[in-house]
Amino acid sequence: MTDALKITARPLPLVDAGGGCACCGPTPSTAEAAADAFEQHNPPAQIAVFEVEGMTCEHCVGRVTDAVKAVESVREVQVQLVPAGLSMVTVATDRLLLPATVRAAIEEAGYSVSGS
């Protein structure tokens, strides 16, 4: 008498578009999960948005991002590039900052802040 191996297929749920299937789709890394948990329990003290003129490429994005991140207590910088228009620079900080502090960093990097 031989032991028969029985294989049973079971359907796996699909994840949202672009994420792959449930068995091999991306899962958040431990670092991403820790960062998300930190954000939920330690929200930024301030989020400010600046309209910046003169940014035309990813090099400009890098210059502005580096300049703003160098400001003490800046947690995160996100740039929405609009070549030949007003790019949006969103800054999250760990404590309240005067907008002039961030504005000065952007201007020192060689760009103009709308309204200044």
Protein backbone atom coordinates (compact mmCIF):
# COMPACT_ATOMS: atom_id res chain seq x y z
CA MET A 1 0.00 0.00 0.00
CA THR A 2 1.40 3.43 -0.93
CA ASP A 3 0.69 6.69 0.74
CA ALA A 4 -0.95 9.05 -1.71
CA LEU A 5 -0.09 12.69 -1.64
CA LYS A 6 -3.14 14.86 -1.91
CA ILE A 7 -2.65 18.39 -3.24
CA THR A 8 -5.43 20.86 -2.77
CA ALA A 9 -5.49 24.23 -4.50
CA ARG A 10 -6.92 27.15 -2.64
CA PRO A 11 -7.66 30.55 -4.12
CA LEU A 12 -5.65 33.46 -2.77
CA PRO A 13 -7.19 36.90 -2.52
CA LEU A 14 -5.84 39.53 -4.88
CA VAL A 15 -4.35 42.76 -3.60
CA ASP A 16 -4.97 46.16 -5.13
CA ALA A 17 -3.74 47.01 -8.64
CA GLY A 18 -0.02 47.13 -9.15
CA GLY A 19 0.73 45.31 -5.91
CA GLY A 20 0.94 41.77 -7.27
CA CYS A 21 -0.96 38.80 -5.94
CA ALA A 22 -1.43 37.88 -2.29
CA CYS A 23 1.30 35.22 -2.33
CA CYS A 24 4.09 37.30 -3.85
CA GLY A 25 2.91 40.90 -3.63
CA PRO A 26 4.94 43.45 -1.75
CA THR A 27 4.60 43.64 2.00
CA PRO A 28 5.76 46.57 4.08
CA SER A 29 9.22 46.12 5.48
CA THR A 30 9.84 46.18 9.19
CA ALA A 31 11.43 49.62 8.80
CA GLU A 32 8.38 50.95 6.95
CA ALA A 33 6.05 49.53 9.58
CA ALA A 34 8.14 51.10 12.35
CA ALA A 35 8.15 54.46 10.56
CA ASP A 36 4.37 54.31 10.13
CA ALA A 37 3.91 53.49 13.83
CA PHE A 38 6.24 56.36 14.79
CA GLU A 39 4.24 58.79 12.63
CA GLN A 40 0.97 57.70 14.19
CA HIS A 41 2.25 58.19 17.75
CA ASN A 42 4.51 61.19 17.08
CA PRO A 43 2.79 63.45 14.57
CA PRO A 44 4.80 66.40 13.29
CA ALA A 45 4.45 69.62 15.24
CA GLN A 46 3.99 71.63 12.07
CA ILE A 47 3.38 71.07 8.38
CA ALA A 48 3.91 74.02 6.05
CA VAL A 49 3.64 74.32 2.27
CA PHE A 50 5.75 76.73 0.23
CA GLU A 51 5.27 77.69 -3.42
CA VAL A 52 8.71 77.77 -5.01
CA GLU A 53 9.62 79.36 -8.34
CA GLY A 54 12.54 78.44 -10.57
CA MET A 55 12.68 74.67 -10.10
CA THR A 56 12.93 72.87 -13.45
CA CYS A 57 14.33 69.39 -12.83
CA GLU A 58 15.14 66.65 -10.30
CA HIS A 59 18.49 68.32 -9.60
CA CYS A 60 16.56 71.39 -8.39
CA VAL A 61 14.39 69.12 -6.23
CA GLY A 62 17.52 67.65 -4.66
CA ARG A 63 19.03 71.08 -3.94
CA VAL A 64 15.88 72.36 -2.26
CA THR A 65 15.32 69.10 -0.35
CA ASP A 66 18.90 69.08 0.97
CA ALA A 67 18.77 72.78 1.93
CA VAL A 68 15.49 72.43 3.83
CA LYS A 69 16.50 69.17 5.53
CA ALA A 70 19.55 70.98 6.89
CA VAL A 71 17.25 73.23 8.94
CA GLU A 72 17.12 72.04 12.56
CA SER A 73 13.98 70.03 13.46
CA VAL A 74 12.87 69.42 9.86
CA ARG A 75 11.57 65.86 9.79
CA GLU A 76 10.50 65.46 6.17
CA VAL A 77 10.50 67.37 2.89
CA GLN A 78 8.33 66.51 -0.10
CA VAL A 79 8.54 68.37 -3.40
CA GLN A 80 5.93 68.36 -6.14
CA LEU A 81 7.90 69.59 -9.15
CA VAL A 82 6.12 71.83 -11.65
CA PRO A 83 8.72 72.86 -14.26
CA ALA A 84 8.27 76.48 -15.37
CA GLY A 85 5.61 76.94 -12.68
CA LEU A 86 5.16 77.00 -8.92
CA SER A 87 6.49 73.82 -7.33
CA MET A 88 4.99 72.84 -3.99
CA VAL A 89 7.42 72.14 -1.13
CA THR A 90 5.81 70.51 1.91
CA VAL A 91 7.82 70.58 5.13
CA ALA A 92 7.05 68.62 8.32
CA THR A 93 8.89 69.62 11.48
CA ASP A 94 9.32 68.25 14.99
CA ARG A 95 8.75 71.67 16.55
CA LEU A 96 7.23 74.96 15.46
CA LEU A 97 9.43 76.94 13.08
CA LEU A 98 9.08 80.39 11.65
CA PRO A 99 8.27 80.12 7.96
CA ALA A 100 11.04 82.65 7.33
CA THR A 101 13.60 80.04 8.46
CA VAL A 102 12.54 77.57 5.76
CA ARG A 103 12.08 80.38 3.22
CA ALA A 104 15.67 81.51 3.83
CA ALA A 105 17.00 77.97 3.27
CA ILE A 106 15.12 77.72 -0.04
CA GLU A 107 16.37 81.12 -1.17
CA GLU A 108 19.96 80.28 -0.17
CA ALA A 109 19.65 77.24 -2.46
CA GLY A 110 18.95 79.68 -5.32
CA TYR A 111 15.16 79.62 -5.66
CA SER A 112 12.36 82.09 -4.98
CA VAL A 113 9.48 81.50 -2.59
CA SER A 114 6.21 82.93 -3.88
CA GLY A 115 4.87 85.72 -1.72
CA SER A 116 8.24 86.65 -0.18
